[in-house]
Amino acid sequence: MQTTSRRLADRKIQKFEKNVTKRGIVPESTVKKGSDYPVGPIVLGFFVFVVIGSSLFQIIRTATSGGAA
């Protein structure tokens, strides 16, 4: 007859051993795919347009005001 603490220890050991044998086995649904981008190409293009356009606008504005913006 086993004591309660020994029974709990055996249960934890079994759970750990079962987990050890499952390591490295990942379902296909959770594996990330390399070609799936979180942002679409249109949104990315718009972002690049806004960043480059605003920097060009700032450069032109600074050049026309004589550098004292």
PDB file of N, CA and C in Angstrom:
ATOM      1  N   MET A   1       0.849  -1.191   0.000  1.00  0.00           N
ATOM      2  CA  MET A   1       0.000   0.000   0.000  1.00  0.00           C
ATOM      3  C   MET A   1       0.884   1.241   0.000  1.00  0.00           C
ATOM      4  N   GLN A   2       0.529   2.204  -0.871  1.00  0.00           N
ATOM      5  CA  GLN A   2       1.317   3.417  -0.999  1.00  0.00           C
ATOM      6  C   GLN A   2       0.699   4.544  -0.191  1.00  0.00           C
ATOM      7  N   THR A   3       1.573   5.415   0.277  1.00  0.00           N
ATOM      8  CA  THR A   3       1.078   6.586   0.990  1.00  0.00           C
ATOM      9  C   THR A   3       0.581   7.615  -0.015  1.00  0.00           C
ATOM     10  N   THR A   4      -0.110   8.623   0.493  1.00  0.00           N
ATOM     11  CA  THR A   4      -0.668   9.647  -0.382  1.00  0.00           C
ATOM     12  C   THR A   4       0.423  10.433  -1.090  1.00  0.00           C
ATOM     13  N   SER A   5       1.481  10.776  -0.369  1.00  0.00           N
ATOM     14  CA  SER A   5       2.549  11.553  -0.991  1.00  0.00           C
ATOM     15  C   SER A   5       3.267  10.740  -2.075  1.00  0.00           C
ATOM     16  N   ARG A   6       3.441   9.449  -1.846  1.00  0.00           N
ATOM     17  CA  ARG A   6       4.094   8.608  -2.859  1.00  0.00           C
ATOM     18  C   ARG A   6       3.210   8.472  -4.107  1.00  0.00           C
ATOM     19  N   ARG A   7       1.895   8.372  -3.870  1.00  0.00           N
ATOM     20  CA  ARG A   7       0.963   8.284  -4.991  1.00  0.00           C
ATOM     21  C   ARG A   7       0.984   9.568  -5.815  1.00  0.00           C
ATOM     22  N   LEU A   8       1.014  10.727  -5.148  1.00  0.00           N
ATOM     23  CA  LEU A   8       1.087  12.003  -5.860  1.00  0.00           C
ATOM     24  C   LEU A   8       2.410  12.145  -6.610  1.00  0.00           C
ATOM     25  N   ALA A   9       3.488  11.677  -6.002  1.00  0.00           N
ATOM     26  CA  ALA A   9       4.790  11.735  -6.663  1.00  0.00           C
ATOM     27  C   ALA A   9       4.793  10.857  -7.907  1.00  0.00           C
ATOM     28  N   ASP A  10       4.221   9.656  -7.799  1.00  0.00           N
ATOM     29  CA  ASP A  10       4.153   8.771  -8.967  1.00  0.00           C
ATOM     30  C   ASP A  10       3.310   9.381 -10.080  1.00  0.00           C
ATOM     31  N   ARG A  11       2.243  10.060  -9.722  1.00  0.00           N
ATOM     32  CA  ARG A  11       1.385  10.699 -10.723  1.00  0.00           C
ATOM     33  C   ARG A  11       2.136  11.831 -11.438  1.00  0.00           C
ATOM     34  N   LYS A  12       2.904  12.606 -10.670  1.00  0.00           N
ATOM     35  CA  LYS A  12       3.689  13.680 -11.271  1.00  0.00           C
ATOM     36  C   LYS A  12       4.780  13.129 -12.177  1.00  0.00           C
ATOM     37  N   ILE A  13       5.393  12.036 -11.759  1.00  0.00           N
ATOM     38  CA  ILE A  13       6.438  11.413 -12.579  1.00  0.00           C
ATOM     39  C   ILE A  13       5.851  10.908 -13.890  1.00  0.00           C
ATOM     40  N   GLN A  14       4.691  10.267 -13.824  1.00  0.00           N
ATOM     41  CA  GLN A  14       4.047   9.776 -15.043  1.00  0.00           C
ATOM     42  C   GLN A  14       3.696  10.924 -15.980  1.00  0.00           C
ATOM     43  N   LYS A  15       3.195  12.007 -15.431  1.00  0.00           N
ATOM     44  CA  LYS A  15       2.840  13.161 -16.242  1.00  0.00           C
ATOM     45  C   LYS A  15       4.084  13.757 -16.891  1.00  0.00           C
ATOM     46  N   PHE A  16       5.178  13.832 -16.148  1.00  0.00           N
ATOM     47  CA  PHE A  16       6.429  14.354 -16.688  1.00  0.00           C
ATOM     48  C   PHE A  16       6.978  13.446 -17.784  1.00  0.00           C
ATOM     49  N   GLU A  17       6.957  12.149 -17.567  1.00  0.00           N
ATOM     50  CA  GLU A  17       7.464  11.201 -18.561  1.00  0.00           C
ATOM     51  C   GLU A  17       6.652  11.267 -19.849  1.00  0.00           C
ATOM     52  N   LYS A  18       5.340  11.432 -19.719  1.00  0.00           N
ATOM     53  CA  LYS A  18       4.492  11.541 -20.910  1.00  0.00           C
ATOM     54  C   LYS A  18       4.811  12.821 -21.665  1.00  0.00           C
ATOM     55  N   ASN A  19       5.122  13.886 -20.936  1.00  0.00           N
ATOM     56  CA  ASN A  19       5.460  15.158 -21.557  1.00  0.00           C
ATOM     57  C   ASN A  19       6.809  15.073 -22.265  1.00  0.00           C
ATOM     58  N   VAL A  20       7.753  14.345 -21.690  1.00  0.00           N
ATOM     59  CA  VAL A  20       9.082  14.216 -22.286  1.00  0.00           C
ATOM     60  C   VAL A  20       8.989  13.534 -23.650  1.00  0.00           C
ATOM     61  N   THR A  21       8.137  12.530 -23.759  1.00  0.00           N
ATOM     62  CA  THR A  21       8.025  11.817 -25.033  1.00  0.00           C
ATOM     63  C   THR A  21       7.327  12.650 -26.092  1.00  0.00           C
ATOM     64  N   LYS A  22       6.599  13.691 -25.720  1.00  0.00           N
ATOM     65  CA  LYS A  22       5.886  14.537 -26.678  1.00  0.00           C
ATOM     66  C   LYS A  22       6.705  15.729 -27.153  1.00  0.00           C
ATOM     67  N   ARG A  23       7.866  15.969 -26.569  1.00  0.00           N
ATOM     68  CA  ARG A  23       8.643  17.153 -26.930  1.00  0.00           C
ATOM     69  C   ARG A  23       9.054  17.115 -28.384  1.00  0.00           C
ATOM     70  N   GLY A  24       8.955  18.268 -29.035  1.00  0.00           N
ATOM     71  CA  GLY A  24       9.350  18.388 -30.426  1.00  0.00           C
ATOM     72  C   GLY A  24       8.243  18.047 -31.395  1.00  0.00           C
ATOM     73  N   ILE A  25       7.148  17.484 -30.923  1.00  0.00           N
ATOM     74  CA  ILE A  25       6.025  17.147 -31.797  1.00  0.00           C
ATOM     75  C   ILE A  25       5.028  18.306 -31.737  1.00  0.00           C
ATOM     76  N   VAL A  26       4.992  19.083 -32.813  1.00  0.00           N
ATOM     77  CA  VAL A  26       4.131  20.259 -32.861  1.00  0.00           C
ATOM     78  C   VAL A  26       3.129  20.066 -33.995  1.00  0.00           C
ATOM     79  N   PRO A  27       1.855  20.300 -33.766  1.00  0.00           N
ATOM     80  CA  PRO A  27       0.882  20.182 -34.855  1.00  0.00           C
ATOM     81  C   PRO A  27       1.171  21.185 -35.974  1.00  0.00           C
ATOM     82  N   GLU A  28       0.767  20.839 -37.177  1.00  0.00           N
ATOM     83  CA  GLU A  28       1.028  21.692 -38.340  1.00  0.00           C
ATOM     84  C   GLU A  28       0.349  23.054 -38.225  1.00  0.00           C
ATOM     85  N   SER A  29      -0.774  23.133 -37.519  1.00  0.00           N
ATOM     86  CA  SER A  29      -1.515  24.388 -37.442  1.00  0.00           C
ATOM     87  C   SER A  29      -0.779  25.454 -36.637  1.00  0.00           C
ATOM     88  N   THR A  30       0.096  25.048 -35.709  1.00  0.00           N
ATOM     89  CA  THR A  30       0.788  26.033 -34.887  1.00  0.00           C
ATOM     90  C   THR A  30       2.150  26.408 -35.452  1.00  0.00           C
ATOM     91  N   VAL A  31       2.615  25.703 -36.490  1.00  0.00           N
ATOM     92  CA  VAL A  31       3.911  26.007 -37.088  1.00  0.00           C
ATOM     93  C   VAL A  31       3.750  27.231 -37.982  1.00  0.00           C
ATOM     94  N   LYS A  32       4.640  28.226 -37.806  1.00  0.00           N
ATOM     95  CA  LYS A  32       4.544  29.449 -38.604  1.00  0.00           C
ATOM     96  C   LYS A  32       5.006  29.180 -40.028  1.00  0.00           C
ATOM     97  N   LYS A  33       4.324  29.785 -40.956  1.00  0.00           N
ATOM     98  CA  LYS A  33       4.710  29.677 -42.354  1.00  0.00           C
ATOM     99  C   LYS A  33       5.505  30.914 -42.729  1.00  0.00           C
ATOM    100  N   GLY A  34       6.539  30.748 -43.528  1.00  0.00           N
ATOM    101  CA  GLY A  34       7.439  31.840 -43.857  1.00  0.00           C
ATOM    102  C   GLY A  34       6.844  32.896 -44.770  1.00  0.00           C
ATOM    103  N   SER A  35       5.870  32.543 -45.614  1.00  0.00           N
ATOM    104  CA  SER A  35       5.381  33.491 -46.606  1.00  0.00           C
ATOM    105  C   SER A  35       4.172  34.286 -46.134  1.00  0.00           C
ATOM    106  N   ASP A  36       3.693  34.061 -44.946  1.00  0.00           N
ATOM    107  CA  ASP A  36       2.503  34.754 -44.457  1.00  0.00           C
ATOM    108  C   ASP A  36       2.911  36.007 -43.700  1.00  0.00           C
ATOM    109  N   TYR A  37       2.659  37.179 -44.303  1.00  0.00           N
ATOM    110  CA  TYR A  37       3.023  38.445 -43.676  1.00  0.00           C
ATOM    111  C   TYR A  37       1.847  38.976 -42.866  1.00  0.00           C
ATOM    112  N   PRO A  38       2.106  39.609 -41.718  1.00  0.00           N
ATOM    113  CA  PRO A  38       1.005  40.150 -40.928  1.00  0.00           C
ATOM    114  C   PRO A  38       0.405  41.407 -41.551  1.00  0.00           C
ATOM    115  N   VAL A  39       1.129  42.046 -42.482  1.00  0.00           N
ATOM    116  CA  VAL A  39       0.648  43.262 -43.137  1.00  0.00           C
ATOM    117  C   VAL A  39       0.627  43.007 -44.637  1.00  0.00           C
ATOM    118  N   GLY A  40      -0.436  43.457 -45.286  1.00  0.00           N
ATOM    119  CA  GLY A  40      -0.546  43.277 -46.727  1.00  0.00           C
ATOM    120  C   GLY A  40       0.396  44.194 -47.484  1.00  0.00           C
ATOM    121  N   PRO A  41       0.641  43.888 -48.761  1.00  0.00           N
ATOM    122  CA  PRO A  41       1.569  44.700 -49.542  1.00  0.00           C
ATOM    123  C   PRO A  41       1.046  46.119 -49.802  1.00  0.00           C
ATOM    124  N   ILE A  42      -0.258  46.299 -49.857  1.00  0.00           N
ATOM    125  CA  ILE A  42      -0.820  47.639 -50.081  1.00  0.00           C
ATOM    126  C   ILE A  42      -0.599  48.515 -48.855  1.00  0.00           C
ATOM    127  N   VAL A  43      -0.822  47.977 -47.681  1.00  0.00           N
ATOM    128  CA  VAL A  43      -0.613  48.731 -46.443  1.00  0.00           C
ATOM    129  C   VAL A  43       0.864  49.053 -46.270  1.00  0.00           C
ATOM    130  N   LEU A  44       1.728  48.095 -46.591  1.00  0.00           N
ATOM    131  CA  LEU A  44       3.166  48.324 -46.499  1.00  0.00           C
ATOM    132  C   LEU A  44       3.612  49.404 -47.482  1.00  0.00           C
ATOM    133  N   GLY A  45       3.089  49.366 -48.702  1.00  0.00           N
ATOM    134  CA  GLY A  45       3.404  50.398 -49.690  1.00  0.00           C
ATOM    135  C   GLY A  45       2.933  51.772 -49.257  1.00  0.00           C
ATOM    136  N   PHE A  46       1.746  51.839 -48.671  1.00  0.00           N
ATOM    137  CA  PHE A  46       1.231  53.116 -48.180  1.00  0.00           C
ATOM    138  C   PHE A  46       2.096  53.659 -47.051  1.00  0.00           C
ATOM    139  N   PHE A  47       2.532  52.792 -46.158  1.00  0.00           N
ATOM    140  CA  PHE A  47       3.391  53.209 -45.054  1.00  0.00           C
ATOM    141  C   PHE A  47       4.716  53.761 -45.583  1.00  0.00           C
ATOM    142  N   VAL A  48       5.325  53.070 -46.535  1.00  0.00           N
ATOM    143  CA  VAL A  48       6.584  53.532 -47.122  1.00  0.00           C
ATOM    144  C   VAL A  48       6.374  54.871 -47.836  1.00  0.00           C
ATOM    145  N   PHE A  49       5.250  55.014 -48.545  1.00  0.00           N
ATOM    146  CA  PHE A  49       4.940  56.261 -49.231  1.00  0.00           C
ATOM    147  C   PHE A  49       4.817  57.422 -48.242  1.00  0.00           C
ATOM    148  N   VAL A  50       4.147  57.197 -47.136  1.00  0.00           N
ATOM    149  CA  VAL A  50       3.957  58.257 -46.141  1.00  0.00           C
ATOM    150  C   VAL A  50       5.289  58.629 -45.489  1.00  0.00           C
ATOM    151  N   VAL A  51       6.103  57.644 -45.145  1.00  0.00           N
ATOM    152  CA  VAL A  51       7.369  57.931 -44.476  1.00  0.00           C
ATOM    153  C   VAL A  51       8.331  58.663 -45.410  1.00  0.00           C
ATOM    154  N   ILE A  52       8.502  58.145 -46.616  1.00  0.00           N
ATOM    155  CA  ILE A  52       9.428  58.788 -47.566  1.00  0.00           C
ATOM    156  C   ILE A  52       8.881  60.136 -48.016  1.00  0.00           C
ATOM    157  N   GLY A  53       7.575  60.212 -48.258  1.00  0.00           N
ATOM    158  CA  GLY A  53       6.972  61.482 -48.689  1.00  0.00           C
ATOM    159  C   GLY A  53       7.100  62.556 -47.622  1.00  0.00           C
ATOM    160  N   SER A  54       6.885  62.206 -46.378  1.00  0.00           N
ATOM    161  CA  SER A  54       6.990  63.213 -45.322  1.00  0.00           C
ATOM    162  C   SER A  54       8.439  63.658 -45.120  1.00  0.00           C
ATOM    163  N   SER A  55       9.380  62.729 -45.275  1.00  0.00           N
ATOM    164  CA  SER A  55      10.783  63.139 -45.136  1.00  0.00           C
ATOM    165  C   SER A  55      11.205  64.034 -46.299  1.00  0.00           C
ATOM    166  N   LEU A  56      10.757  63.727 -47.502  1.00  0.00           N
ATOM    167  CA  LEU A  56      11.066  64.606 -48.647  1.00  0.00           C
ATOM    168  C   LEU A  56      10.423  65.978 -48.464  1.00  0.00           C
ATOM    169  N   PHE A  57       9.189  65.995 -47.988  1.00  0.00           N
ATOM    170  CA  PHE A  57       8.510  67.266 -47.740  1.00  0.00           C
ATOM    171  C   PHE A  57       9.265  68.093 -46.699  1.00  0.00           C
ATOM    172  N   GLN A  58       9.764  67.448 -45.665  1.00  0.00           N
ATOM    173  CA  GLN A  58      10.515  68.145 -44.621  1.00  0.00           C
ATOM    174  C   GLN A  58      11.830  68.690 -45.182  1.00  0.00           C
ATOM    175  N   ILE A  59      12.502  67.917 -46.024  1.00  0.00           N
ATOM    176  CA  ILE A  59      13.759  68.377 -46.622  1.00  0.00           C
ATOM    177  C   ILE A  59      13.512  69.578 -47.522  1.00  0.00           C
ATOM    178  N   ILE A  60      12.471  69.512 -48.330  1.00  0.00           N
ATOM    179  CA  ILE A  60      12.158  70.636 -49.229  1.00  0.00           C
ATOM    180  C   ILE A  60      11.775  71.866 -48.423  1.00  0.00           C
ATOM    181  N   ARG A  61      10.988  71.698 -47.380  1.00  0.00           N
ATOM    182  CA  ARG A  61      10.571  72.836 -46.561  1.00  0.00           C
ATOM    183  C   ARG A  61      11.763  73.470 -45.847  1.00  0.00           C
ATOM    184  N   THR A  62      12.697  72.652 -45.366  1.00  0.00           N
ATOM    185  CA  THR A  62      13.883  73.170 -44.701  1.00  0.00           C
ATOM    186  C   THR A  62      14.797  73.905 -45.691  1.00  0.00           C
ATOM    187  N   ALA A  63      14.901  73.372 -46.894  1.00  0.00           N
ATOM    188  CA  ALA A  63      15.755  73.992 -47.908  1.00  0.00           C
ATOM    189  C   ALA A  63      15.194  75.338 -48.363  1.00  0.00           C
ATOM    190  N   THR A  64      13.890  75.445 -48.502  1.00  0.00           N
ATOM    191  CA  THR A  64      13.301  76.690 -48.979  1.00  0.00           C
ATOM    192  C   THR A  64      13.251  77.753 -47.881  1.00  0.00           C
ATOM    193  N   SER A  65      13.243  77.358 -46.628  1.00  0.00           N
ATOM    194  CA  SER A  65      13.193  78.361 -45.553  1.00  0.00           C
ATOM    195  C   SER A  65      14.572  78.797 -45.113  1.00  0.00           C
ATOM    196  N   GLY A  66      15.602  78.291 -45.715  1.00  0.00           N
ATOM    197  CA  GLY A  66      16.960  78.703 -45.383  1.00  0.00           C
ATOM    198  C   GLY A  66      17.535  77.972 -44.200  1.00  0.00           C
ATOM    199  N   GLY A  67      16.962  76.864 -43.786  1.00  0.00           N
ATOM    200  CA  GLY A  67      17.514  76.057 -42.703  1.00  0.00           C
ATOM    201  C   GLY A  67      17.043  76.485 -41.330  1.00  0.00           C
ATOM    202  N   ALA A  68      16.217  77.518 -41.195  1.00  0.00           N
ATOM    203  CA  ALA A  68      15.737  77.959 -39.882  1.00  0.00           C
ATOM    204  C   ALA A  68      14.273  77.601 -39.732  1.00  0.00           C
ATOM    205  N   ALA A  69      13.983  76.341 -39.711  1.00  0.00           N
ATOM    206  CA  ALA A  69      12.590  75.905 -39.585  1.00  0.00           C
ATOM    207  C   ALA A  69      12.263  75.913 -38.124  1.00  0.00           C
TER     208      ALA A  69
END
